[in-house]
Amino acid sequence: RKLLNYAEPLGHFMAFVPGLPANERRQQVWPSTVAYLARLVIHRYAMLGVLDEQGYPVREMGVLENPAGGRASAELAGRPCPECGNPTVIKKDGCDFCTACGYVGQCG
């Protein structure tokens, strides 16, 4: 929201106001490219239902909760990986594959 009024020397220009219906389109002088892009981003997030048109969250954001069941990504147990050292090397499509770092080893 602070960027909506960000000015730069000789940076003002005219551009269409985002979010107006086609029959009500009008141009406005913006203080800078940054201010115009900030308005576009806020308008897009408002269309997605994340922010209102003033740039405030529609609902209070909080810390994301961990899914029930523990770890976010299940790493398979296997042999030690020569690249990252985790015990996560398994056979995948006939090749050694590390589920932690993506290392691909010997095939066959």
C-alpha atoms as a PDB file:
ATOM      1  CA  ARG A   1       0.000   0.000   0.000  1.00  0.00           C
ATOM      2  CA  LYS A   2       2.886   2.361   0.659  1.00  0.00           C
ATOM      3  CA  LEU A   3       4.027   2.015  -2.945  1.00  0.00           C
ATOM      4  CA  LEU A   4       0.762   3.470  -4.275  1.00  0.00           C
ATOM      5  CA  ASN A   5       2.120   6.977  -3.647  1.00  0.00           C
ATOM      6  CA  TYR A   6       5.760   6.270  -4.498  1.00  0.00           C
ATOM      7  CA  ALA A   7       7.001   9.038  -6.771  1.00  0.00           C
ATOM      8  CA  GLU A   8      10.102   9.176  -8.885  1.00  0.00           C
ATOM      9  CA  PRO A   9      11.589  12.244 -10.608  1.00  0.00           C
ATOM     10  CA  LEU A  10       9.906  12.764 -13.984  1.00  0.00           C
ATOM     11  CA  GLY A  11       8.240   9.396 -13.504  1.00  0.00           C
ATOM     12  CA  HIS A  12       4.580  10.409 -13.753  1.00  0.00           C
ATOM     13  CA  PHE A  13       2.571   9.054 -16.665  1.00  0.00           C
ATOM     14  CA  MET A  14      -1.002   8.348 -17.735  1.00  0.00           C
ATOM     15  CA  ALA A  15      -2.439   4.833 -17.695  1.00  0.00           C
ATOM     16  CA  PHE A  16      -5.830   3.188 -17.381  1.00  0.00           C
ATOM     17  CA  VAL A  17      -7.277   2.660 -13.907  1.00  0.00           C
ATOM     18  CA  PRO A  18      -7.406  -1.116 -13.320  1.00  0.00           C
ATOM     19  CA  GLY A  19     -10.704  -2.759 -12.448  1.00  0.00           C
ATOM     20  CA  LEU A  20     -13.148  -0.459 -14.179  1.00  0.00           C
ATOM     21  CA  PRO A  21     -15.746  -1.933 -16.572  1.00  0.00           C
ATOM     22  CA  ALA A  22     -15.083  -1.409 -20.290  1.00  0.00           C
ATOM     23  CA  ASN A  23     -17.738   1.304 -20.612  1.00  0.00           C
ATOM     24  CA  GLU A  24     -16.248   3.267 -17.676  1.00  0.00           C
ATOM     25  CA  ARG A  25     -12.561   3.038 -18.617  1.00  0.00           C
ATOM     26  CA  ARG A  26     -10.634   6.183 -17.832  1.00  0.00           C
ATOM     27  CA  GLN A  27      -7.030   7.208 -17.499  1.00  0.00           C
ATOM     28  CA  GLN A  28      -5.275   8.618 -14.479  1.00  0.00           C
ATOM     29  CA  VAL A  29      -1.901  10.225 -13.876  1.00  0.00           C
ATOM     30  CA  TRP A  30       0.275   7.904 -11.786  1.00  0.00           C
ATOM     31  CA  PRO A  31       3.288   9.240  -9.828  1.00  0.00           C
ATOM     32  CA  SER A  32       5.562   6.423 -11.049  1.00  0.00           C
ATOM     33  CA  THR A  33       5.694   3.041 -12.712  1.00  0.00           C
ATOM     34  CA  VAL A  34       6.100   1.487  -9.256  1.00  0.00           C
ATOM     35  CA  ALA A  35       2.866   3.095  -8.032  1.00  0.00           C
ATOM     36  CA  TYR A  36       0.966   1.875 -11.091  1.00  0.00           C
ATOM     37  CA  LEU A  37       2.298  -1.684 -10.720  1.00  0.00           C
ATOM     38  CA  ALA A  38       1.381  -1.642  -7.016  1.00  0.00           C
ATOM     39  CA  ARG A  39      -2.209  -0.723  -7.976  1.00  0.00           C
ATOM     40  CA  LEU A  40      -2.265  -3.548 -10.565  1.00  0.00           C
ATOM     41  CA  VAL A  41      -1.026  -6.098  -8.003  1.00  0.00           C
ATOM     42  CA  ILE A  42      -3.559  -4.986  -5.385  1.00  0.00           C
ATOM     43  CA  HIS A  43      -6.345  -5.140  -7.974  1.00  0.00           C
ATOM     44  CA  ARG A  44      -5.292  -8.649  -9.036  1.00  0.00           C
ATOM     45  CA  TYR A  45      -5.209  -9.891  -5.431  1.00  0.00           C
ATOM     46  CA  ALA A  46      -8.624  -8.297  -4.894  1.00  0.00           C
ATOM     47  CA  MET A  47      -9.943 -10.239  -7.900  1.00  0.00           C
ATOM     48  CA  LEU A  48      -8.543 -13.437  -6.350  1.00  0.00           C
ATOM     49  CA  GLY A  49     -10.208 -12.642  -3.010  1.00  0.00           C
ATOM     50  CA  VAL A  50      -6.983 -12.239  -1.033  1.00  0.00           C
ATOM     51  CA  LEU A  51      -7.091  -8.445  -0.541  1.00  0.00           C
ATOM     52  CA  ASP A  52      -9.786  -5.783  -0.692  1.00  0.00           C
ATOM     53  CA  GLU A  53      -9.443  -2.855  -3.140  1.00  0.00           C
ATOM     54  CA  GLN A  54      -7.569  -0.800  -0.506  1.00  0.00           C
ATOM     55  CA  GLY A  55      -4.902  -3.519  -0.191  1.00  0.00           C
ATOM     56  CA  TYR A  56      -5.936  -4.974   3.166  1.00  0.00           C
ATOM     57  CA  PRO A  57      -6.345  -8.734   3.714  1.00  0.00           C
ATOM     58  CA  VAL A  58      -9.916  -9.998   3.384  1.00  0.00           C
ATOM     59  CA  ARG A  59      -9.389 -12.314   6.342  1.00  0.00           C
ATOM     60  CA  GLU A  60      -6.684 -12.343   8.964  1.00  0.00           C
ATOM     61  CA  MET A  61      -3.590 -14.235   7.948  1.00  0.00           C
ATOM     62  CA  GLY A  62      -1.906 -16.484  10.449  1.00  0.00           C
ATOM     63  CA  VAL A  63       0.717 -19.141  10.784  1.00  0.00           C
ATOM     64  CA  LEU A  64       0.024 -22.092   8.556  1.00  0.00           C
ATOM     65  CA  GLU A  65      -0.839 -25.256  10.397  1.00  0.00           C
ATOM     66  CA  ASN A  66       1.120 -28.446   9.858  1.00  0.00           C
ATOM     67  CA  PRO A  67      -1.002 -31.227   8.428  1.00  0.00           C
ATOM     68  CA  ALA A  68      -1.961 -33.964  10.844  1.00  0.00           C
ATOM     69  CA  GLY A  69       0.461 -36.834  10.533  1.00  0.00           C
ATOM     70  CA  GLY A  70       3.781 -35.138  11.105  1.00  0.00           C
ATOM     71  CA  ARG A  71       6.246 -34.419   8.318  1.00  0.00           C
ATOM     72  CA  ALA A  72       5.362 -32.257   5.348  1.00  0.00           C
ATOM     73  CA  SER A  73       7.138 -34.493   2.842  1.00  0.00           C
ATOM     74  CA  ALA A  74       7.580 -38.200   3.263  1.00  0.00           C
ATOM     75  CA  GLU A  75      11.187 -39.201   2.610  1.00  0.00           C
ATOM     76  CA  LEU A  76      11.699 -42.855   1.909  1.00  0.00           C
ATOM     77  CA  ALA A  77      14.344 -44.711   3.917  1.00  0.00           C
ATOM     78  CA  GLY A  78      17.194 -46.201   1.890  1.00  0.00           C
ATOM     79  CA  ARG A  79      20.961 -46.217   1.390  1.00  0.00           C
ATOM     80  CA  PRO A  80      23.118 -43.146   2.148  1.00  0.00           C
ATOM     81  CA  CYS A  81      23.265 -40.589  -0.669  1.00  0.00           C
ATOM     82  CA  PRO A  82      26.801 -39.772  -1.886  1.00  0.00           C
ATOM     83  CA  GLU A  83      25.744 -36.179  -2.629  1.00  0.00           C
ATOM     84  CA  CYS A  84      23.711 -35.063   0.419  1.00  0.00           C
ATOM     85  CA  GLY A  85      24.480 -37.846   2.913  1.00  0.00           C
ATOM     86  CA  ASN A  86      20.856 -38.598   3.812  1.00  0.00           C
ATOM     87  CA  PRO A  87      19.780 -42.255   3.990  1.00  0.00           C
ATOM     88  CA  THR A  88      17.270 -41.738   1.172  1.00  0.00           C
ATOM     89  CA  VAL A  89      18.664 -43.489  -1.948  1.00  0.00           C
ATOM     90  CA  ILE A  90      16.139 -45.906  -3.449  1.00  0.00           C
ATOM     91  CA  LYS A  91      15.706 -47.692  -6.795  1.00  0.00           C
ATOM     92  CA  LYS A  92      13.407 -45.728  -9.106  1.00  0.00           C
ATOM     93  CA  ASP A  93      12.863 -46.765 -12.720  1.00  0.00           C
ATOM     94  CA  GLY A  94      15.947 -48.983 -12.452  1.00  0.00           C
ATOM     95  CA  CYS A  95      18.249 -46.198 -11.251  1.00  0.00           C
ATOM     96  CA  ASP A  96      19.524 -45.120  -7.850  1.00  0.00           C
ATOM     97  CA  PHE A  97      17.520 -42.026  -6.851  1.00  0.00           C
ATOM     98  CA  CYS A  98      17.783 -39.817  -3.750  1.00  0.00           C
ATOM     99  CA  THR A  99      14.348 -38.722  -2.524  1.00  0.00           C
ATOM    100  CA  ALA A 100      15.912 -35.855  -0.527  1.00  0.00           C
ATOM    101  CA  CYS A 101      18.072 -34.053  -3.117  1.00  0.00           C
ATOM    102  CA  GLY A 102      17.159 -35.665  -6.452  1.00  0.00           C
ATOM    103  CA  TYR A 103      20.565 -37.272  -7.055  1.00  0.00           C
ATOM    104  CA  VAL A 104      20.450 -39.908  -9.818  1.00  0.00           C
ATOM    105  CA  GLY A 105      23.121 -42.561  -9.623  1.00  0.00           C
ATOM    106  CA  GLN A 106      23.915 -45.819 -11.336  1.00  0.00           C
ATOM    107  CA  CYS A 107      21.217 -47.354 -13.515  1.00  0.00           C
ATOM    108  CA  GLY A 108      20.704 -51.028 -14.217  1.00  0.00           C
END
